[in-house]
Protein backbone atom coordinates (compact mmCIF):
# COMPACT_ATOMS: atom_id res chain seq x y z
CA UNK A 1 90.05 143.82 50.18
CA UNK A 2 93.61 144.26 51.39
CA UNK A 3 92.43 146.14 54.59
CA UNK A 4 90.25 143.08 55.55
CA UNK A 5 93.30 140.74 55.33
CA UNK A 6 95.60 143.23 57.13
CA UNK A 7 93.08 143.43 60.08
CA UNK A 8 91.75 139.81 60.23
CA UNK A 9 94.94 137.98 59.60
CA UNK A 10 96.73 139.11 62.83
CA UNK A 11 93.41 138.48 64.80
CA UNK A 12 93.23 134.94 63.57
CA UNK A 13 97.01 134.17 64.32
CA UNK A 14 96.53 135.75 67.81
CA UNK A 15 93.44 133.56 68.32
CA UNK A 16 95.27 130.42 67.40
CA UNK A 17 98.31 131.34 69.65
CA UNK A 18 95.94 132.15 72.56
CA UNK A 19 94.28 128.64 72.05
CA UNK A 20 97.53 126.86 72.10
CA UNK A 21 98.51 128.82 75.22
CA UNK A 22 95.52 127.95 77.10
CA UNK A 23 95.73 124.42 76.10
CA UNK A 24 99.36 124.01 77.29
CA UNK A 25 98.77 126.10 80.53
CA UNK A 26 95.61 123.89 81.34
CA UNK A 27 97.62 120.67 80.59
CA UNK A 28 100.46 121.66 82.94
CA UNK A 29 98.20 122.73 85.70
CA UNK A 30 96.17 119.53 85.41
CA UNK A 31 99.20 117.44 85.72
CA UNK A 32 100.55 119.42 88.80
CA UNK A 33 97.03 118.87 90.44
CA UNK A 34 97.24 115.26 89.76
CA UNK A 35 100.65 114.79 91.26
CA UNK A 36 99.40 116.90 94.40
CA UNK A 37 96.27 114.80 94.57
CA UNK A 38 94.08 118.02 94.45
CA UNK A 39 90.56 117.18 93.41
CA UNK A 40 91.20 113.34 93.40
CA UNK A 41 87.81 111.55 93.04
CA UNK A 42 87.17 108.84 95.78
CA UNK A 43 84.63 106.19 94.86
CA UNK A 44 82.91 104.19 97.30
CA UNK A 45 80.27 104.50 100.18
CA UNK A 46 80.23 107.89 101.64
CA UNK A 47 81.32 108.23 105.34
CA UNK A 48 78.70 108.89 107.86
CA UNK A 49 78.75 112.38 109.52
CA UNK A 50 80.59 112.62 112.86
CA UNK A 51 78.35 111.57 115.73
CA UNK A 52 76.03 109.56 113.77
CA UNK A 53 74.84 106.33 115.38
CA UNK A 54 75.31 103.16 113.40
CA UNK A 55 72.04 101.14 112.97
CA UNK A 56 71.19 98.42 110.59
CA UNK A 57 68.54 99.21 108.11
CA UNK A 58 65.93 96.65 106.80
CA UNK A 59 66.78 97.62 103.17
CA UNK A 60 70.23 95.93 103.47
CA UNK A 61 69.06 92.56 104.95
CA UNK A 62 69.13 89.65 102.65
CA UNK A 63 66.06 87.34 102.28
CA UNK A 64 66.09 83.76 101.25
CA UNK A 65 63.57 81.77 99.34
CA UNK A 66 60.86 82.67 96.80
CA UNK A 67 60.64 85.98 98.33
CA UNK A 68 63.49 87.51 96.46
CA UNK A 69 61.61 87.84 93.25
């Protein structure tokens, strides 16, 4: 029984330390990326590709009257 404790206790401690290390390393790296603007998500309408012509589509036209339903 003592052999199991001698082998598994250091492994458990190592796993806990490794978990804390990965947590703090990721936290630091995430904050650096947030400051640098790397991977910043931009919400909104996507930009058209270069060279695309702009045309009005009938899906965006507003209708009036009882046809809305």
